[in-house]
Every structure is written in structure tokens, then in C-alpha cells.
C-alpha atoms as a PDB file:
ATOM      1  CA  MET A   1      98.877  45.938 127.669  1.00  0.00           C
ATOM      2  CA  SER A   2     101.695  44.634 125.533  1.00  0.00           C
ATOM      3  CA  THR A   3     102.585  46.277 122.251  1.00  0.00           C
ATOM      4  CA  ASN A   4     104.623  43.306 121.038  1.00  0.00           C
ATOM      5  CA  ASN A   5     104.227  43.282 117.258  1.00  0.00           C
ATOM      6  CA  GLN A   6     103.974  39.722 115.966  1.00  0.00           C
ATOM      7  CA  ILE A   7     102.912  40.513 112.404  1.00  0.00           C
ATOM      8  CA  SER A   8     104.049  43.268 110.100  1.00  0.00           C
ATOM      9  CA  VAL A   9     102.950  42.746 106.527  1.00  0.00           C
ATOM     10  CA  GLU A  10     101.320  44.769 103.810  1.00  0.00           C
ATOM     11  CA  ILE A  11      99.417  42.717 101.269  1.00  0.00           C
ATOM     12  CA  PRO A  12      99.205  44.636  97.992  1.00  0.00           C
ATOM     13  CA  GLN A  13      95.645  45.178  96.785  1.00  0.00           C
ATOM     14  CA  THR A  14      96.633  43.636  93.450  1.00  0.00           C
ATOM     15  CA  VAL A  15      97.526  40.392  95.251  1.00  0.00           C
ATOM     16  CA  LEU A  16      94.225  40.395  97.156  1.00  0.00           C
ATOM     17  CA  ASP A  17      92.307  41.084  93.947  1.00  0.00           C
ATOM     18  CA  GLU A  18      94.121  38.318  92.065  1.00  0.00           C
ATOM     19  CA  VAL A  19      93.585  35.767  94.845  1.00  0.00           C
ATOM     20  CA  SER A  20      89.927  36.741  95.106  1.00  0.00           C
ATOM     21  CA  GLN A  21      89.485  36.294  91.354  1.00  0.00           C
ATOM     22  CA  LYS A  22      91.254  32.937  91.368  1.00  0.00           C
ATOM     23  CA  LEU A  23      89.136  31.694  94.272  1.00  0.00           C
ATOM     24  CA  GLN A  24      86.009  32.861  92.452  1.00  0.00           C
ATOM     25  CA  ASP A  25      87.244  31.033  89.328  1.00  0.00           C
ATOM     26  CA  CYS A  26      87.704  27.856  91.395  1.00  0.00           C
ATOM     27  CA  LYS A  27      84.228  28.202  92.854  1.00  0.00           C
ATOM     28  CA  THR A  28      82.733  28.735  89.405  1.00  0.00           C
ATOM     29  CA  LEU A  29      84.619  25.765  87.907  1.00  0.00           C
ATOM     30  CA  LEU A  30      83.489  23.404  90.666  1.00  0.00           C
ATOM     31  CA  ALA A  31      79.944  24.749  91.132  1.00  0.00           C
ATOM     32  CA  PRO A  32      78.249  22.270  88.757  1.00  0.00           C
ATOM     33  CA  TYR A  33      79.780  19.359  90.690  1.00  0.00           C
ATOM     34  CA  LEU A  34      79.308  20.474  94.295  1.00  0.00           C
ATOM     35  CA  LYS A  35      76.306  19.935  96.540  1.00  0.00           C
ATOM     36  CA  ALA A  36      75.466  22.061  99.580  1.00  0.00           C
ATOM     37  CA  LEU A  37      73.878  20.370 102.594  1.00  0.00           C
ATOM     38  CA  THR A  38      71.756  21.668 105.431  1.00  0.00           C
ATOM     39  CA  ALA A  39      72.880  21.135 109.018  1.00  0.00           C
ATOM     40  CA  ASP A  40      70.263  18.400 109.416  1.00  0.00           C
ATOM     41  CA  GLN A  41      71.408  16.657 106.246  1.00  0.00           C
ATOM     42  CA  ARG A  42      75.003  16.736 107.483  1.00  0.00           C
ATOM     43  CA  LYS A  43      73.975  15.221 110.825  1.00  0.00           C
ATOM     44  CA  SER A  44      72.017  12.405 109.191  1.00  0.00           C
ATOM     45  CA  LEU A  45      74.755  11.191 106.839  1.00  0.00           C
ATOM     46  CA  PHE A  46      76.884   8.102 107.346  1.00  0.00           C
ATOM     47  CA  LYS A  47      80.298   9.779 107.392  1.00  0.00           C
ATOM     48  CA  MET A  48      83.559   8.717 105.817  1.00  0.00           C
ATOM     49  CA  GLY A  49      86.656   9.552 107.859  1.00  0.00           C
ATOM     50  CA  ASP A  50      90.393   9.035 107.558  1.00  0.00           C
ATOM     51  CA  LYS A  51      90.169   5.367 108.534  1.00  0.00           C
ATOM     52  CA  THR A  52      87.252   4.567 106.239  1.00  0.00           C
ATOM     53  CA  VAL A  53      88.868   6.165 103.162  1.00  0.00           C
ATOM     54  CA  ALA A  54      91.256   3.216 103.043  1.00  0.00           C
ATOM     55  CA  THR A  55      88.323   0.820 103.435  1.00  0.00           C
ATOM     56  CA  VAL A  56      86.494   2.358 100.483  1.00  0.00           C
ATOM     57  CA  GLN A  57      89.649   2.261  98.363  1.00  0.00           C
ATOM     58  CA  LYS A  58      90.228  -1.398  99.298  1.00  0.00           C
ATOM     59  CA  VAL A  59      86.628  -2.255  98.377  1.00  0.00           C
ATOM     60  CA  LYS A  60      87.182  -0.526  95.024  1.00  0.00           C
ATOM     61  CA  SER A  61      90.236  -2.710  94.443  1.00  0.00           C
ATOM     62  CA  TYR A  62      88.371  -5.883  95.411  1.00  0.00           C
ATOM     63  CA  LEU A  63      85.418  -4.870  93.269  1.00  0.00           C
ATOM     64  CA  GLU A  64      87.773  -4.904  90.291  1.00  0.00           C
ATOM     65  CA  THR A  65      89.477  -8.216  91.170  1.00  0.00           C
ATOM     66  CA  ASN A  66      86.533 -10.037  92.777  1.00  0.00           C
ATOM     67  CA  PRO A  67      83.317  -8.562  91.306  1.00  0.00           C
ATOM     68  CA  GLU A  68      81.340 -11.684  92.254  1.00  0.00           C
ATOM     69  CA  PHE A  69      80.990 -10.372  95.836  1.00  0.00           C
ATOM     70  CA  ALA A  70      79.182  -7.191  94.793  1.00  0.00           C
ATOM     71  CA  PRO A  71      75.535  -7.486  95.785  1.00  0.00           C
ATOM     72  CA  ALA A  72      73.025  -7.239  92.944  1.00  0.00           C
ATOM     73  CA  TYR A  73      71.465  -4.151  94.512  1.00  0.00           C
ATOM     74  CA  MET A  74      74.826  -2.314  94.664  1.00  0.00           C
ATOM     75  CA  ASP A  75      75.187   0.240  91.876  1.00  0.00           C
ATOM     76  CA  LYS A  76      78.841  -0.344  90.946  1.00  0.00           C
ATOM     77  CA  ALA A  77      78.992   2.616  88.534  1.00  0.00           C
ATOM     78  CA  GLU A  78      77.703   5.026  91.202  1.00  0.00           C
ATOM     79  CA  PHE A  79      80.078   3.600  93.806  1.00  0.00           C
ATOM     80  CA  LEU A  80      83.023   4.179  91.452  1.00  0.00           C
ATOM     81  CA  LYS A  81      81.853   7.731  90.696  1.00  0.00           C
ATOM     82  CA  ASP A  82      81.460   8.515  94.406  1.00  0.00           C
ATOM     83  CA  GLU A  83      84.891   7.100  95.211  1.00  0.00           C
ATOM     84  CA  ALA A  84      86.439   9.127  92.380  1.00  0.00           C
ATOM     85  CA  VAL A  85      84.840  12.333  93.714  1.00  0.00           C
ATOM     86  CA  VAL A  86      86.258  11.673  97.181  1.00  0.00           C
ATOM     87  CA  THR A  87      89.690  10.863  95.759  1.00  0.00           C
ATOM     88  CA  GLY A  88      89.651  13.926  93.494  1.00  0.00           C
ATOM     89  CA  LEU A  89      88.278  16.481  95.939  1.00  0.00           C
ATOM     90  CA  SER A  90      90.097  15.406  99.116  1.00  0.00           C
ATOM     91  CA  PRO A  91      93.407  17.080  98.196  1.00  0.00           C
ATOM     92  CA  LEU A  92      91.502  20.257  97.283  1.00  0.00           C
ATOM     93  CA  SER A  93      89.636  20.105 100.589  1.00  0.00           C
ATOM     94  CA  ASN A  94      92.910  19.730 102.495  1.00  0.00           C
ATOM     95  CA  LEU A  95      94.456  22.657 100.625  1.00  0.00           C
ATOM     96  CA  THR A  96      91.461  24.953 101.178  1.00  0.00           C
ATOM     97  CA  GLU A  97      91.308  24.033 104.875  1.00  0.00           C
ATOM     98  CA  GLN A  98      94.992  24.917 105.264  1.00  0.00           C
ATOM     99  CA  LEU A  99      94.493  28.183 103.385  1.00  0.00           C
ATOM    100  CA  SER A 100      91.390  29.035 105.407  1.00  0.00           C
ATOM    101  CA  SER A 101      93.176  28.274 108.686  1.00  0.00           C
ATOM    102  CA  ASP A 102      96.191  30.409 107.728  1.00  0.00           C
ATOM    103  CA  ILE A 103      93.949  33.290 106.622  1.00  0.00           C
ATOM    104  CA  ASP A 104      91.869  33.054 109.820  1.00  0.00           C
ATOM    105  CA  ASP A 105      95.000  33.016 111.982  1.00  0.00           C
ATOM    106  CA  THR A 106      96.478  36.010 110.168  1.00  0.00           C
ATOM    107  CA  VAL A 107      93.218  37.976 110.438  1.00  0.00           C
ATOM    108  CA  MET A 108      93.006  37.096 114.144  1.00  0.00           C
ATOM    109  CA  LEU A 109      96.601  38.121 114.868  1.00  0.00           C
ATOM    110  CA  ALA A 110      96.469  41.364 112.864  1.00  0.00           C
ATOM    111  CA  GLY A 111      93.031  42.130 114.306  1.00  0.00           C
ATOM    112  CA  SER A 112      94.265  41.577 117.849  1.00  0.00           C
ATOM    113  CA  GLU A 113      97.209  43.894 117.297  1.00  0.00           C
ATOM    114  CA  ALA A 114      95.020  46.534 115.634  1.00  0.00           C
ATOM    115  CA  LEU A 115      92.495  46.374 118.482  1.00  0.00           C
ATOM    116  CA  MET A 116      95.224  46.648 121.124  1.00  0.00           C
ATOM    117  CA  ALA A 117      96.675  49.690 119.352  1.00  0.00           C
ATOM    118  CA  SER A 118      93.176  51.160 119.153  1.00  0.00           C
ATOM    119  CA  MET A 119      92.767  50.675 122.891  1.00  0.00           C
ATOM    120  CA  LEU A 120      96.047  52.532 123.484  1.00  0.00           C
ATOM    121  CA  TYR A 121      94.878  55.395 121.250  1.00  0.00           C
ATOM    122  CA  TYR A 122      91.502  55.494 123.001  1.00  0.00           C
ATOM    123  CA  GLY A 123      93.180  55.576 126.406  1.00  0.00           C
ATOM    124  CA  THR A 124      95.342  58.512 125.356  1.00  0.00           C
ATOM    125  CA  ALA A 125      92.338  60.386 123.915  1.00  0.00           C
ATOM    126  CA  LYS A 126      90.384  59.709 127.126  1.00  0.00           C
ATOM    127  CA  GLU A 127      93.221  61.001 129.270  1.00  0.00           C
ATOM    128  CA  ALA A 128      93.669  64.095 127.082  1.00  0.00           C
ATOM    129  CA  ALA A 129      89.918  64.819 127.222  1.00  0.00           C
ATOM    130  CA  SER A 130      89.938  64.481 131.023  1.00  0.00           C
ATOM    131  CA  LYS A 131      92.763  67.046 131.162  1.00  0.00           C
ATOM    132  CA  GLY A 132      90.750  69.541 129.112  1.00  0.00           C
ATOM    133  CA  VAL A 133      92.383  69.157 125.675  1.00  0.00           C
ATOM    134  CA  ALA A 134      89.590  70.528 123.485  1.00  0.00           C
ATOM    135  CA  THR A 135      90.410  68.552 120.355  1.00  0.00           C
ATOM    136  CA  ALA A 136      90.455  65.295 122.327  1.00  0.00           C
ATOM    137  CA  LYS A 137      86.880  65.624 123.625  1.00  0.00           C
ATOM    138  CA  PRO A 138      85.016  64.856 120.348  1.00  0.00           C
ATOM    139  CA  VAL A 139      87.448  62.019 119.578  1.00  0.00           C
ATOM    140  CA  TYR A 140      86.978  60.528 123.032  1.00  0.00           C
ATOM    141  CA  GLU A 141      83.172  60.945 122.956  1.00  0.00           C
ATOM    142  CA  ASP A 142      82.943  59.262 119.563  1.00  0.00           C
ATOM    143  CA  LEU A 143      85.231  56.385 120.515  1.00  0.00           C
ATOM    144  CA  SER A 144      83.717  55.937 123.984  1.00  0.00           C
ATOM    145  CA  GLN A 145      80.565  54.566 122.318  1.00  0.00           C
ATOM    146  CA  ARG A 146      82.688  51.758 120.866  1.00  0.00           C
ATOM    147  CA  PHE A 147      84.704  51.124 124.020  1.00  0.00           C
ATOM    148  CA  SER A 148      81.868  50.966 126.516  1.00  0.00           C
ATOM    149  CA  LYS A 149      82.276  48.669 129.500  1.00  0.00           C
ATOM    150  CA  LYS A 150      79.715  46.106 128.313  1.00  0.00           C
ATOM    151  CA  GLY A 151      82.011  43.366 127.081  1.00  0.00           C
ATOM    152  CA  ASN A 152      84.449  40.867 128.460  1.00  0.00           C
ATOM    153  CA  LYS A 153      87.758  42.315 129.654  1.00  0.00           C
ATOM    154  CA  ASN A 154      90.165  39.530 128.813  1.00  0.00           C
ATOM    155  CA  PHE A 155      93.238  41.580 128.029  1.00  0.00           C
ATOM    156  CA  PRO A 156      96.700  40.028 127.991  1.00  0.00           C
ATOM    157  CA  ALA A 157      98.806  40.651 131.084  1.00  0.00           C
ATOM    158  CA  LYS A 158     101.362  43.435 130.950  1.00  0.00           C
ATOM    159  CA  ASP A 159     104.930  42.319 130.343  1.00  0.00           C
END
């Protein structure tokens, strides 16, 4: 088991608190404008992707210069509102996805290192308990419930 440390940071609680508050503020500010969907609703929607964003923007442009091609049953005002929401929220979506990915990666890396260190500690406590060190026995017995041999043993190879 490698003990290669890839991350060594301490995030001050004040920073975490401030970020949490700012994210909550963002959520509160946007709440009246956002709509949550069920999994089934998401599956049933006609989806706009990277390629179709340009199509929608081009239609918006043509709608302004050539309005005669808009069908009578097309609600132009709603189309323009929907396009504006996509244009306005897309940069925020990109930013939050990047932030979420970076946070997830950092949690995964720090968690992996913490778990590997925990395994080393557990192994030492187990060995000490097997050699009769009295203070190691309760530590080992408590931790052994968490390190039972139920799970998958995909540990990195030793260097």
C-alpha cells in the first residue's frame, strides 16, 4: 500500500462557511426561476445540446430579420424567453459543473488518502493486538467491525 501523499491542504472553516453561505444565496436567488424535473420528465424531453444551441440562436436571429416565416402557432414571446434562459443560465451551469467536479475530485483524493492511512493504522492495531498489547485489543476490536472482509479489495499495488 502506497503512502504517496497527493494532496495536503487545510481549508479553514471560515472559508467553508463563507462558500456554503454564498452557494445558499445563489440557490435562494435563483429558486423562483428554476424548475426541478423527475427522471421520467428528463427522459421525455426533446433535448438541446451543444450543436443545437447554435441552431436556436440562429433561429432567434432569423426571427428578428425574417418574422414572416414564424408559424402562427409559434409563441414568439415564449421562444425568446426560453432562449434567454438558456443563454443566461448556461455559463452558470458550466461554472457549477466545473466547481462540482473539482470538489468531487478533491473529496475523492483526500478520502482515498485518509482511508489508506486508516488501513495502515488498523493493520498496526491488529498486529499489536495479536502480539498481546492490551491497549491495542479494544482499538482493534472496534475497528475490525469497520474493516471486515465483506467488500471489494481493490487496493493500489505497492510501489
